[in-house]
Structure formats: C-alpha cells, structure tokens
Amino acid sequence: MEVKLFVGNLSFTTNEEEIRTLLAQAGTVTSAELIKDRATGESKGFAFVVMSSQAEAAKATQMFNGYSLGGRDIKVGPARAREESGRGNSFGNRGNDRGGGRPPMHKNRGGSRRY
C-alpha cells in the first residue's frame, strides 16, 4: 500500500530530483512533487513523496527526519489529509450553526442610532 510523506523545511534551491534521490535510499519512491508558488513558480519549501509501502515510509521517516539537506534540517513524516479551507466561500463556516455559508448575525449592542 502506497504511503504519502510530507517533506518540509526544504531549501528553496532543492529540486524534485534531489528529494527523489535522497528518499530512494529508504525504498521505492513512486512519486515526488515539489510544491511551487502559482504566481512565481518558485518552491514553497515543501514536497510530497509517495513511497511504495508503509515499511519504506517508516524507514524514510526514521532515516531523514532531521537530516541536513541544503543547509537545512528537513522534516519528514506522514502527510495529513487536506483540511477544508473554505476558500470557495467568502463567508465560510465561522462557527455559526446556520450552515450554507451565511455570514454570522450580529446582535444590536446598543449605542447611538441614526433615524
């Protein structure tokens, strides 16, 4: 079963091939994707690497978490599921129970009123 790893704190000069070569020392790398800024095309300093098995992913984490690459101590660990960002909805769900993306209703707290 394939396992996706998060590789963070990368130098902005690190490329996908360097990441793939490094983690291949722990096992078979199915894919390596360096995350880049949409506007500039420059690295954001992290990547996702898919290892072919749980054992190889655990070995890569053990071998390379804290490893110095490009003058930085990289972080390697299991990737977490992507959280819902709410970007498609300008109001989001800000803790109100109304749902549907409606803005929260504010209570009148007094003060001066203009008639």
PDB file of N, CA and C in Angstrom:
ATOM      1  N   MET A   1       0.831  -1.171   0.000  1.00  0.00           N
ATOM      2  CA  MET A   1       0.000   0.000   0.000  1.00  0.00           C
ATOM      3  C   MET A   1       0.886   1.249   0.000  1.00  0.00           C
ATOM      4  N   GLU A   2       0.635   2.155  -0.916  1.00  0.00           N
ATOM      5  CA  GLU A   2       1.431   3.371  -1.024  1.00  0.00           C
ATOM      6  C   GLU A   2       1.128   4.324   0.134  1.00  0.00           C
ATOM      7  N   VAL A   3       2.168   5.045   0.557  1.00  0.00           N
ATOM      8  CA  VAL A   3       2.041   5.978   1.668  1.00  0.00           C
ATOM      9  C   VAL A   3       2.639   7.314   1.253  1.00  0.00           C
ATOM     10  N   LYS A   4       1.885   8.387   1.497  1.00  0.00           N
ATOM     11  CA  LYS A   4       2.356   9.730   1.151  1.00  0.00           C
ATOM     12  C   LYS A   4       3.050  10.350   2.354  1.00  0.00           C
ATOM     13  N   LEU A   5       4.244  10.901   2.105  1.00  0.00           N
ATOM     14  CA  LEU A   5       5.016  11.579   3.134  1.00  0.00           C
ATOM     15  C   LEU A   5       5.087  13.072   2.849  1.00  0.00           C
ATOM     16  N   PHE A   6       5.127  13.856   3.910  1.00  0.00           N
ATOM     17  CA  PHE A   6       5.362  15.290   3.821  1.00  0.00           C
ATOM     18  C   PHE A   6       6.847  15.512   4.073  1.00  0.00           C
ATOM     19  N   VAL A   7       7.487  16.310   3.229  1.00  0.00           N
ATOM     20  CA  VAL A   7       8.892  16.664   3.413  1.00  0.00           C
ATOM     21  C   VAL A   7       8.946  18.186   3.486  1.00  0.00           C
ATOM     22  N   GLY A   8       9.282  18.705   4.643  1.00  0.00           N
ATOM     23  CA  GLY A   8       9.240  20.147   4.850  1.00  0.00           C
ATOM     24  C   GLY A   8      10.568  20.738   5.251  1.00  0.00           C
ATOM     25  N   ASN A   9      10.581  22.068   5.362  1.00  0.00           N
ATOM     26  CA  ASN A   9      11.755  22.867   5.703  1.00  0.00           C
ATOM     27  C   ASN A   9      12.868  22.697   4.666  1.00  0.00           C
ATOM     28  N   LEU A  10      12.453  22.571   3.406  1.00  0.00           N
ATOM     29  CA  LEU A  10      13.422  22.424   2.329  1.00  0.00           C
ATOM     30  C   LEU A  10      14.009  23.775   1.944  1.00  0.00           C
ATOM     31  N   SER A  11      15.242  23.745   1.500  1.00  0.00           N
ATOM     32  CA  SER A  11      15.856  24.938   0.927  1.00  0.00           C
ATOM     33  C   SER A  11      15.105  25.260  -0.360  1.00  0.00           C
ATOM     34  N   PHE A  12      14.986  26.541  -0.684  1.00  0.00           N
ATOM     35  CA  PHE A  12      14.254  26.938  -1.882  1.00  0.00           C
ATOM     36  C   PHE A  12      14.998  26.567  -3.164  1.00  0.00           C
ATOM     37  N   THR A  13      16.251  26.123  -3.038  1.00  0.00           N
ATOM     38  CA  THR A  13      17.020  25.685  -4.206  1.00  0.00           C
ATOM     39  C   THR A  13      16.941  24.178  -4.424  1.00  0.00           C
ATOM     40  N   THR A  14      16.355  23.445  -3.486  1.00  0.00           N
ATOM     41  CA  THR A  14      16.215  21.988  -3.610  1.00  0.00           C
ATOM     42  C   THR A  14      15.216  21.664  -4.712  1.00  0.00           C
ATOM     43  N   ASN A  15      15.537  20.662  -5.540  1.00  0.00           N
ATOM     44  CA  ASN A  15      14.618  20.279  -6.621  1.00  0.00           C
ATOM     45  C   ASN A  15      14.058  18.876  -6.388  1.00  0.00           C
ATOM     46  N   GLU A  16      13.074  18.503  -7.203  1.00  0.00           N
ATOM     47  CA  GLU A  16      12.400  17.206  -7.051  1.00  0.00           C
ATOM     48  C   GLU A  16      13.367  16.035  -7.169  1.00  0.00           C
ATOM     49  N   GLU A  17      14.313  16.134  -8.075  1.00  0.00           N
ATOM     50  CA  GLU A  17      15.256  15.032  -8.279  1.00  0.00           C
ATOM     51  C   GLU A  17      16.106  14.779  -7.042  1.00  0.00           C
ATOM     52  N   GLU A  18      16.517  15.845  -6.355  1.00  0.00           N
ATOM     53  CA  GLU A  18      17.290  15.691  -5.119  1.00  0.00           C
ATOM     54  C   GLU A  18      16.461  14.986  -4.048  1.00  0.00           C
ATOM     55  N   ILE A  19      15.202  15.360  -3.938  1.00  0.00           N
ATOM     56  CA  ILE A  19      14.316  14.745  -2.947  1.00  0.00           C
ATOM     57  C   ILE A  19      14.101  13.272  -3.280  1.00  0.00           C
ATOM     58  N   ARG A  20      13.821  12.994  -4.557  1.00  0.00           N
ATOM     59  CA  ARG A  20      13.601  11.617  -5.006  1.00  0.00           C
ATOM     60  C   ARG A  20      14.840  10.751  -4.732  1.00  0.00           C
ATOM     61  N   THR A  21      16.015  11.253  -5.075  1.00  0.00           N
ATOM     62  CA  THR A  21      17.266  10.513  -4.882  1.00  0.00           C
ATOM     63  C   THR A  21      17.521  10.250  -3.400  1.00  0.00           C
ATOM     64  N   LEU A  22      17.290  11.248  -2.565  1.00  0.00           N
ATOM     65  CA  LEU A  22      17.514  11.095  -1.135  1.00  0.00           C
ATOM     66  C   LEU A  22      16.608  10.027  -0.538  1.00  0.00           C
ATOM     67  N   LEU A  23      15.302  10.145  -0.777  1.00  0.00           N
ATOM     68  CA  LEU A  23      14.367   9.210  -0.164  1.00  0.00           C
ATOM     69  C   LEU A  23      14.414   7.818  -0.795  1.00  0.00           C
ATOM     70  N   ALA A  24      14.954   7.705  -2.002  1.00  0.00           N
ATOM     71  CA  ALA A  24      15.103   6.390  -2.642  1.00  0.00           C
ATOM     72  C   ALA A  24      16.077   5.503  -1.869  1.00  0.00           C
ATOM     73  N   GLN A  25      16.888   6.097  -1.017  1.00  0.00           N
ATOM     74  CA  GLN A  25      17.799   5.317  -0.175  1.00  0.00           C
ATOM     75  C   GLN A  25      17.024   4.483   0.844  1.00  0.00           C
ATOM     76  N   ALA A  26      15.774   4.862   1.106  1.00  0.00           N
ATOM     77  CA  ALA A  26      14.942   4.138   2.068  1.00  0.00           C
ATOM     78  C   ALA A  26      14.001   3.155   1.386  1.00  0.00           C
ATOM     79  N   GLY A  27      13.848   3.239   0.052  1.00  0.00           N
ATOM     80  CA  GLY A  27      12.937   2.344  -0.654  1.00  0.00           C
ATOM     81  C   GLY A  27      12.479   2.950  -1.968  1.00  0.00           C
ATOM     82  N   THR A  28      11.444   2.357  -2.531  1.00  0.00           N
ATOM     83  CA  THR A  28      10.937   2.773  -3.831  1.00  0.00           C
ATOM     84  C   THR A  28      10.089   4.039  -3.708  1.00  0.00           C
ATOM     85  N   VAL A  29      10.506   5.075  -4.436  1.00  0.00           N
ATOM     86  CA  VAL A  29       9.754   6.326  -4.481  1.00  0.00           C
ATOM     87  C   VAL A  29       8.841   6.262  -5.699  1.00  0.00           C
ATOM     88  N   THR A  30       7.526   6.233  -5.463  1.00  0.00           N
ATOM     89  CA  THR A  30       6.546   6.186  -6.549  1.00  0.00           C
ATOM     90  C   THR A  30       6.435   7.538  -7.232  1.00  0.00           C
ATOM     91  N   SER A  31       6.404   8.615  -6.435  1.00  0.00           N
ATOM     92  CA  SER A  31       6.364   9.965  -6.996  1.00  0.00           C
ATOM     93  C   SER A  31       6.909  10.958  -5.989  1.00  0.00           C
ATOM     94  N   ALA A  32       7.400  12.081  -6.519  1.00  0.00           N
ATOM     95  CA  ALA A  32       7.877  13.178  -5.685  1.00  0.00           C
ATOM     96  C   ALA A  32       7.386  14.467  -6.323  1.00  0.00           C
ATOM     97  N   GLU A  33       6.690  15.289  -5.533  1.00  0.00           N
ATOM     98  CA  GLU A  33       6.136  16.537  -6.057  1.00  0.00           C
ATOM     99  C   GLU A  33       6.552  17.692  -5.161  1.00  0.00           C
ATOM    100  N   LEU A  34       7.398  18.566  -5.701  1.00  0.00           N
ATOM    101  CA  LEU A  34       7.807  19.770  -5.012  1.00  0.00           C
ATOM    102  C   LEU A  34       6.699  20.809  -5.213  1.00  0.00           C
ATOM    103  N   ILE A  35       6.203  21.388  -4.139  1.00  0.00           N
ATOM    104  CA  ILE A  35       5.105  22.339  -4.230  1.00  0.00           C
ATOM    105  C   ILE A  35       5.675  23.722  -4.552  1.00  0.00           C
ATOM    106  N   LYS A  36       5.085  24.350  -5.585  1.00  0.00           N
ATOM    107  CA  LYS A  36       5.584  25.637  -6.059  1.00  0.00           C
ATOM    108  C   LYS A  36       4.489  26.699  -6.005  1.00  0.00           C
ATOM    109  N   ASP A  37       4.910  27.935  -5.863  1.00  0.00           N
ATOM    110  CA  ASP A  37       4.001  29.066  -5.872  1.00  0.00           C
ATOM    111  C   ASP A  37       3.411  29.223  -7.270  1.00  0.00           C
ATOM    112  N   ARG A  38       2.100  29.391  -7.354  1.00  0.00           N
ATOM    113  CA  ARG A  38       1.439  29.513  -8.664  1.00  0.00           C
ATOM    114  C   ARG A  38       1.904  30.743  -9.436  1.00  0.00           C
ATOM    115  N   ALA A  39       2.066  31.848  -8.744  1.00  0.00           N
ATOM    116  CA  ALA A  39       2.402  33.105  -9.408  1.00  0.00           C
ATOM    117  C   ALA A  39       3.856  33.158  -9.872  1.00  0.00           C
ATOM    118  N   THR A  40       4.778  32.714  -9.021  1.00  0.00           N
ATOM    119  CA  THR A  40       6.204  32.861  -9.332  1.00  0.00           C
ATOM    120  C   THR A  40       6.858  31.590  -9.852  1.00  0.00           C
ATOM    121  N   GLY A  41       6.267  30.431  -9.547  1.00  0.00           N
ATOM    122  CA  GLY A  41       6.874  29.165  -9.948  1.00  0.00           C
ATOM    123  C   GLY A  41       8.028  28.738  -9.055  1.00  0.00           C
ATOM    124  N   GLU A  42       8.264  29.486  -7.975  1.00  0.00           N
ATOM    125  CA  GLU A  42       9.345  29.154  -7.057  1.00  0.00           C
ATOM    126  C   GLU A  42       8.861  28.182  -5.980  1.00  0.00           C
ATOM    127  N   SER A  43       9.789  27.407  -5.452  1.00  0.00           N
ATOM    128  CA  SER A  43       9.478  26.424  -4.418  1.00  0.00           C
ATOM    129  C   SER A  43       8.901  27.101  -3.190  1.00  0.00           C
ATOM    130  N   LYS A  44       7.934  26.398  -2.553  1.00  0.00           N
ATOM    131  CA  LYS A  44       7.371  26.881  -1.292  1.00  0.00           C
ATOM    132  C   LYS A  44       8.106  26.271  -0.099  1.00  0.00           C
ATOM    133  N   GLY A  45       9.087  25.396  -0.364  1.00  0.00           N
ATOM    134  CA  GLY A  45       9.889  24.836   0.720  1.00  0.00           C
ATOM    135  C   GLY A  45       9.362  23.520   1.269  1.00  0.00           C
ATOM    136  N   PHE A  46       8.421  22.884   0.563  1.00  0.00           N
ATOM    137  CA  PHE A  46       7.968  21.569   0.998  1.00  0.00           C
ATOM    138  C   PHE A  46       7.563  20.730  -0.201  1.00  0.00           C
ATOM    139  N   ALA A  47       7.456  19.426   0.048  1.00  0.00           N
ATOM    140  CA  ALA A  47       7.140  18.486  -1.032  1.00  0.00           C
ATOM    141  C   ALA A  47       6.344  17.328  -0.462  1.00  0.00           C
ATOM    142  N   PHE A  48       5.725  16.571  -1.374  1.00  0.00           N
ATOM    143  CA  PHE A  48       5.048  15.334  -1.006  1.00  0.00           C
ATOM    144  C   PHE A  48       5.697  14.212  -1.789  1.00  0.00           C
ATOM    145  N   VAL A  49       6.024  13.141  -1.087  1.00  0.00           N
ATOM    146  CA  VAL A  49       6.680  11.984  -1.696  1.00  0.00           C
ATOM    147  C   VAL A  49       5.840  10.757  -1.388  1.00  0.00           C
ATOM    148  N   VAL A  50       5.575   9.950  -2.414  1.00  0.00           N
ATOM    149  CA  VAL A  50       4.809   8.722  -2.224  1.00  0.00           C
ATOM    150  C   VAL A  50       5.786   7.548  -2.244  1.00  0.00           C
ATOM    151  N   MET A  51       5.792   6.809  -1.134  1.00  0.00           N
ATOM    152  CA  MET A  51       6.630   5.604  -1.016  1.00  0.00           C
ATOM    153  C   MET A  51       5.745   4.393  -1.301  1.00  0.00           C
ATOM    154  N   SER A  52       6.357   3.304  -1.771  1.00  0.00           N
ATOM    155  CA  SER A  52       5.572   2.149  -2.218  1.00  0.00           C
ATOM    156  C   SER A  52       4.995   1.298  -1.089  1.00  0.00           C
ATOM    157  N   SER A  53       5.509   1.432   0.141  1.00  0.00           N
ATOM    158  CA  SER A  53       4.954   0.636   1.243  1.00  0.00           C
ATOM    159  C   SER A  53       5.066   1.386   2.570  1.00  0.00           C
ATOM    160  N   GLN A  54       4.303   0.933   3.527  1.00  0.00           N
ATOM    161  CA  GLN A  54       4.320   1.518   4.869  1.00  0.00           C
ATOM    162  C   GLN A  54       5.694   1.347   5.505  1.00  0.00           C
ATOM    163  N   ALA A  55       6.301   0.192   5.321  1.00  0.00           N
ATOM    164  CA  ALA A  55       7.616  -0.072   5.909  1.00  0.00           C
ATOM    165  C   ALA A  55       8.671   0.880   5.345  1.00  0.00           C
ATOM    166  N   GLU A  56       8.628   1.112   4.030  1.00  0.00           N
ATOM    167  CA  GLU A  56       9.588   2.028   3.406  1.00  0.00           C
ATOM    168  C   GLU A  56       9.342   3.465   3.857  1.00  0.00           C
ATOM    169  N   ALA A  57       8.091   3.836   4.027  1.00  0.00           N
ATOM    170  CA  ALA A  57       7.763   5.182   4.504  1.00  0.00           C
ATOM    171  C   ALA A  57       8.274   5.378   5.927  1.00  0.00           C
ATOM    172  N   ALA A  58       8.105   4.375   6.770  1.00  0.00           N
ATOM    173  CA  ALA A  58       8.596   4.442   8.145  1.00  0.00           C
ATOM    174  C   ALA A  58      10.121   4.535   8.166  1.00  0.00           C
ATOM    175  N   LYS A  59      10.768   3.786   7.287  1.00  0.00           N
ATOM    176  CA  LYS A  59      12.233   3.814   7.199  1.00  0.00           C
ATOM    177  C   LYS A  59      12.709   5.191   6.740  1.00  0.00           C
ATOM    178  N   ALA A  60      12.037   5.775   5.738  1.00  0.00           N
ATOM    179  CA  ALA A  60      12.403   7.103   5.243  1.00  0.00           C
ATOM    180  C   ALA A  60      12.232   8.144   6.345  1.00  0.00           C
ATOM    181  N   THR A  61      11.150   8.049   7.101  1.00  0.00           N
ATOM    182  CA  THR A  61      10.912   8.987   8.200  1.00  0.00           C
ATOM    183  C   THR A  61      12.017   8.868   9.238  1.00  0.00           C
ATOM    184  N   GLN A  62      12.353   7.644   9.607  1.00  0.00           N
ATOM    185  CA  GLN A  62      13.377   7.402  10.617  1.00  0.00           C
ATOM    186  C   GLN A  62      14.750   7.879  10.139  1.00  0.00           C
ATOM    187  N   MET A  63      15.060   7.637   8.865  1.00  0.00           N
ATOM    188  CA  MET A  63      16.374   7.989   8.318  1.00  0.00           C
ATOM    189  C   MET A  63      16.542   9.488   8.078  1.00  0.00           C
ATOM    190  N   PHE A  64      15.490  10.163   7.633  1.00  0.00           N
ATOM    191  CA  PHE A  64      15.670  11.511   7.122  1.00  0.00           C
ATOM    192  C   PHE A  64      14.976  12.627   7.888  1.00  0.00           C
ATOM    193  N   ASN A  65      14.164  12.327   8.887  1.00  0.00           N
ATOM    194  CA  ASN A  65      13.579  13.395   9.698  1.00  0.00           C
ATOM    195  C   ASN A  65      14.712  14.018  10.516  1.00  0.00           C
ATOM    196  N   GLY A  66      14.987  15.297  10.284  1.00  0.00           N
ATOM    197  CA  GLY A  66      16.094  15.977  10.952  1.00  0.00           C
ATOM    198  C   GLY A  66      17.391  15.941  10.151  1.00  0.00           C
ATOM    199  N   TYR A  67      17.373  15.311   8.977  1.00  0.00           N
ATOM    200  CA  TYR A  67      18.540  15.200   8.104  1.00  0.00           C
ATOM    201  C   TYR A  67      18.867  16.575   7.509  1.00  0.00           C
ATOM    202  N   SER A  68      20.158  16.898   7.401  1.00  0.00           N
ATOM    203  CA  SER A  68      20.570  18.178   6.837  1.00  0.00           C
ATOM    204  C   SER A  68      20.674  18.077   5.318  1.00  0.00           C
ATOM    205  N   LEU A  69      19.850  18.876   4.627  1.00  0.00           N
ATOM    206  CA  LEU A  69      19.846  18.916   3.163  1.00  0.00           C
ATOM    207  C   LEU A  69      19.839  20.375   2.738  1.00  0.00           C
ATOM    208  N   GLY A  70      20.827  20.779   1.978  1.00  0.00           N
ATOM    209  CA  GLY A  70      20.899  22.166   1.521  1.00  0.00           C
ATOM    210  C   GLY A  70      21.052  23.151   2.665  1.00  0.00           C
ATOM    211  N   GLY A  71      21.722  22.724   3.736  1.00  0.00           N
ATOM    212  CA  GLY A  71      21.945  23.601   4.876  1.00  0.00           C
ATOM    213  C   GLY A  71      20.760  23.738   5.816  1.00  0.00           C
ATOM    214  N   ARG A  72      19.725  22.912   5.627  1.00  0.00           N
ATOM    215  CA  ARG A  72      18.543  22.972   6.497  1.00  0.00           C
ATOM    216  C   ARG A  72      18.205  21.579   6.999  1.00  0.00           C
ATOM    217  N   ASP A  73      17.702  21.512   8.223  1.00  0.00           N
ATOM    218  CA  ASP A  73      17.256  20.237   8.788  1.00  0.00           C
ATOM    219  C   ASP A  73      15.839  19.983   8.313  1.00  0.00           C
ATOM    220  N   ILE A  74      15.677  19.002   7.435  1.00  0.00           N
ATOM    221  CA  ILE A  74      14.360  18.754   6.850  1.00  0.00           C
ATOM    222  C   ILE A  74      13.469  17.970   7.809  1.00  0.00           C
ATOM    223  N   LYS A  75      12.184  18.083   7.600  1.00  0.00           N
ATOM    224  CA  LYS A  75      11.174  17.367   8.378  1.00  0.00           C
ATOM    225  C   LYS A  75      10.524  16.349   7.456  1.00  0.00           C
ATOM    226  N   VAL A  76      10.477  15.106   7.879  1.00  0.00           N
ATOM    227  CA  VAL A  76       9.853  14.044   7.092  1.00  0.00           C
ATOM    228  C   VAL A  76       8.871  13.307   7.993  1.00  0.00           C
ATOM    229  N   GLY A  77       7.641  13.154   7.504  1.00  0.00           N
ATOM    230  CA  GLY A  77       6.634  12.444   8.282  1.00  0.00           C
ATOM    231  C   GLY A  77       5.419  12.160   7.420  1.00  0.00           C
ATOM    232  N   PRO A  78       4.477  11.413   7.953  1.00  0.00           N
ATOM    233  CA  PRO A  78       3.272  11.098   7.185  1.00  0.00           C
ATOM    234  C   PRO A  78       2.491  12.359   6.837  1.00  0.00           C
ATOM    235  N   ALA A  79       2.004  12.419   5.618  1.00  0.00           N
ATOM    236  CA  ALA A  79       1.194  13.562   5.190  1.00  0.00           C
ATOM    237  C   ALA A  79      -0.182  13.452   5.825  1.00  0.00           C
ATOM    238  N   ARG A  80      -0.716  14.579   6.259  1.00  0.00           N
ATOM    239  CA  ARG A  80      -2.065  14.606   6.825  1.00  0.00           C
ATOM    240  C   ARG A  80      -3.059  14.857   5.713  1.00  0.00           C
ATOM    241  N   ALA A  81      -4.289  14.463   5.961  1.00  0.00           N
ATOM    242  CA  ALA A  81      -5.363  14.721   4.994  1.00  0.00           C
ATOM    243  C   ALA A  81      -5.552  16.219   4.857  1.00  0.00           C
ATOM    244  N   ARG A  82      -5.855  16.647   3.658  1.00  0.00           N
ATOM    245  CA  ARG A  82      -6.053  18.066   3.394  1.00  0.00           C
ATOM    246  C   ARG A  82      -7.299  18.547   4.120  1.00  0.00           C
ATOM    247  N   GLU A  83      -7.162  19.668   4.833  1.00  0.00           N
ATOM    248  CA  GLU A  83      -8.296  20.226   5.565  1.00  0.00           C
ATOM    249  C   GLU A  83      -9.107  21.126   4.644  1.00  0.00           C
ATOM    250  N   GLU A  84     -10.377  21.217   4.927  1.00  0.00           N
ATOM    251  CA  GLU A  84     -11.255  22.082   4.146  1.00  0.00           C
ATOM    252  C   GLU A  84     -10.864  23.530   4.436  1.00  0.00           C
ATOM    253  N   SER A  85     -10.512  24.283   3.415  1.00  0.00           N
ATOM    254  CA  SER A  85     -10.031  25.643   3.626  1.00  0.00           C
ATOM    255  C   SER A  85     -11.147  26.673   3.575  1.00  0.00           C
ATOM    256  N   GLY A  86     -12.254  26.373   2.908  1.00  0.00           N
ATOM    257  CA  GLY A  86     -13.349  27.319   2.817  1.00  0.00           C
ATOM    258  C   GLY A  86     -13.080  28.464   1.858  1.00  0.00           C
ATOM    259  N   ARG A  87     -12.080  28.328   1.006  1.00  0.00           N
ATOM    260  CA  ARG A  87     -11.717  29.405   0.095  1.00  0.00           C
ATOM    261  C   ARG A  87     -12.786  29.692  -0.942  1.00  0.00           C
ATOM    262  N   GLY A  88     -13.567  28.702  -1.312  1.00  0.00           N
ATOM    263  CA  GLY A  88     -14.571  28.917  -2.339  1.00  0.00           C
ATOM    264  C   GLY A  88     -15.751  29.730  -1.848  1.00  0.00           C
ATOM    265  N   ASN A  89     -15.855  29.909  -0.546  1.00  0.00           N
ATOM    266  CA  ASN A  89     -16.982  30.596   0.056  1.00  0.00           C
ATOM    267  C   ASN A  89     -16.441  31.769   0.863  1.00  0.00           C
ATOM    268  N   SER A  90     -16.816  32.975   0.500  1.00  0.00           N
ATOM    269  CA  SER A  90     -16.239  34.144   1.158  1.00  0.00           C
ATOM    270  C   SER A  90     -16.637  34.265   2.626  1.00  0.00           C
ATOM    271  N   PHE A  91     -17.729  33.631   3.024  1.00  0.00           N
ATOM    272  CA  PHE A  91     -18.151  33.710   4.415  1.00  0.00           C
ATOM    273  C   PHE A  91     -17.673  32.527   5.237  1.00  0.00           C
ATOM    274  N   GLY A  92     -17.520  31.379   4.605  1.00  0.00           N
ATOM    275  CA  GLY A  92     -17.085  30.188   5.310  1.00  0.00           C
ATOM    276  C   GLY A  92     -18.056  29.784   6.391  1.00  0.00           C
ATOM    277  N   ASN A  93     -17.669  28.888   7.228  1.00  0.00           N
ATOM    278  CA  ASN A  93     -18.475  28.479   8.364  1.00  0.00           C
ATOM    279  C   ASN A  93     -17.731  28.944   9.600  1.00  0.00           C
ATOM    280  N   ARG A  94     -18.047  30.112  10.069  1.00  0.00           N
ATOM    281  CA  ARG A  94     -17.319  30.722  11.169  1.00  0.00           C
ATOM    282  C   ARG A  94     -17.893  30.353  12.516  1.00  0.00           C
ATOM    283  N   GLY A  95     -18.236  29.125  12.689  1.00  0.00           N
ATOM    284  CA  GLY A  95     -18.716  28.673  13.982  1.00  0.00           C
ATOM    285  C   GLY A  95     -20.204  28.856  14.189  1.00  0.00           C
ATOM    286  N   ASN A  96     -20.909  29.430  13.228  1.00  0.00           N
ATOM    287  CA  ASN A  96     -22.350  29.545  13.422  1.00  0.00           C
ATOM    288  C   ASN A  96     -23.017  28.237  13.003  1.00  0.00           C
ATOM    289  N   ASP A  97     -24.197  28.015  13.505  1.00  0.00           N
ATOM    290  CA  ASP A  97     -24.893  26.763  13.225  1.00  0.00           C
ATOM    291  C   ASP A  97     -25.839  26.878  12.046  1.00  0.00           C
ATOM    292  N   ARG A  98     -25.788  27.975  11.336  1.00  0.00           N
ATOM    293  CA  ARG A  98     -26.719  28.172  10.240  1.00  0.00           C
ATOM    294  C   ARG A  98     -26.337  27.376   9.005  1.00  0.00           C
ATOM    295  N   GLY A  99     -25.054  27.157   8.799  1.00  0.00           N
ATOM    296  CA  GLY A  99     -24.616  26.435   7.604  1.00  0.00           C
ATOM    297  C   GLY A  99     -24.898  27.255   6.362  1.00  0.00           C
ATOM    298  N   GLY A 100     -24.660  26.696   5.211  1.00  0.00           N
ATOM    299  CA  GLY A 100     -24.967  27.369   3.969  1.00  0.00           C
ATOM    300  C   GLY A 100     -24.090  28.563   3.668  1.00  0.00           C
ATOM    301  N   GLY A 101     -23.073  28.807   4.483  1.00  0.00           N
ATOM    302  CA  GLY A 101     -22.148  29.876   4.206  1.00  0.00           C
ATOM    303  C   GLY A 101     -22.685  31.273   4.464  1.00  0.00           C
ATOM    304  N   ARG A 102     -23.770  31.397   5.235  1.00  0.00           N
ATOM    305  CA  ARG A 102     -24.301  32.724   5.541  1.00  0.00           C
ATOM    306  C   ARG A 102     -23.390  33.432   6.534  1.00  0.00           C
ATOM    307  N   PRO A 103     -23.316  34.759   6.466  1.00  0.00           N
ATOM    308  CA  PRO A 103     -22.494  35.478   7.437  1.00  0.00           C
ATOM    309  C   PRO A 103     -23.142  35.410   8.811  1.00  0.00           C
ATOM    310  N   PRO A 104     -22.342  35.478   9.855  1.00  0.00           N
ATOM    311  CA  PRO A 104     -22.916  35.432  11.201  1.00  0.00           C
ATOM    312  C   PRO A 104     -23.761  36.674  11.459  1.00  0.00           C
ATOM    313  N   MET A 105     -24.825  36.508  12.219  1.00  0.00           N
ATOM    314  CA  MET A 105     -25.699  37.623  12.564  1.00  0.00           C
ATOM    315  C   MET A 105     -25.152  38.275  13.836  1.00  0.00           C
ATOM    316  N   HIS A 106     -25.098  39.598  13.839  1.00  0.00           N
ATOM    317  CA  HIS A 106     -24.581  40.316  14.994  1.00  0.00           C
ATOM    318  C   HIS A 106     -25.737  40.901  15.790  1.00  0.00           C
ATOM    319  N   LYS A 107     -25.622  40.844  17.082  1.00  0.00           N
ATOM    320  CA  LYS A 107     -26.652  41.387  17.950  1.00  0.00           C
ATOM    321  C   LYS A 107     -26.455  42.890  18.084  1.00  0.00           C
ATOM    322  N   ASN A 108     -27.577  43.597  18.228  1.00  0.00           N
ATOM    323  CA  ASN A 108     -27.509  45.024  18.465  1.00  0.00           C
ATOM    324  C   ASN A 108     -27.001  45.227  19.886  1.00  0.00           C
ATOM    325  N   ARG A 109     -25.906  45.914  20.023  1.00  0.00           N
ATOM    326  CA  ARG A 109     -25.316  46.109  21.336  1.00  0.00           C
ATOM    327  C   ARG A 109     -25.594  47.501  21.878  1.00  0.00           C
ATOM    328  N   GLY A 110     -26.608  48.152  21.334  1.00  0.00           N
ATOM    329  CA  GLY A 110     -26.939  49.493  21.808  1.00  0.00           C
ATOM    330  C   GLY A 110     -26.084  50.541  21.125  1.00  0.00           C
ATOM    331  N   GLY A 111     -25.976  51.677  21.739  1.00  0.00           N
ATOM    332  CA  GLY A 111     -25.222  52.752  21.146  1.00  0.00           C
ATOM    333  C   GLY A 111     -26.138  53.702  20.406  1.00  0.00           C
ATOM    334  N   SER A 112     -25.567  54.702  19.790  1.00  0.00           N
ATOM    335  CA  SER A 112     -26.382  55.693  19.109  1.00  0.00           C
ATOM    336  C   SER A 112     -26.953  55.131  17.823  1.00  0.00           C
ATOM    337  N   ARG A 113     -28.159  55.594  17.513  1.00  0.00           N
ATOM    338  CA  ARG A 113     -28.809  55.184  16.261  1.00  0.00           C
ATOM    339  C   ARG A 113     -29.103  56.437  15.456  1.00  0.00           C
ATOM    340  N   ARG A 114     -29.004  56.290  14.189  1.00  0.00           N
ATOM    341  CA  ARG A 114     -29.364  57.409  13.316  1.00  0.00           C
ATOM    342  C   ARG A 114     -30.731  57.115  12.727  1.00  0.00           C
ATOM    343  N   TYR A 115     -31.678  58.056  12.832  1.00  0.00           N
ATOM    344  CA  TYR A 115     -33.027  57.873  12.323  1.00  0.00           C
ATOM    345  C   TYR A 115     -33.245  58.665  11.085  1.00  0.00           C
TER     346      TYR A 115
END
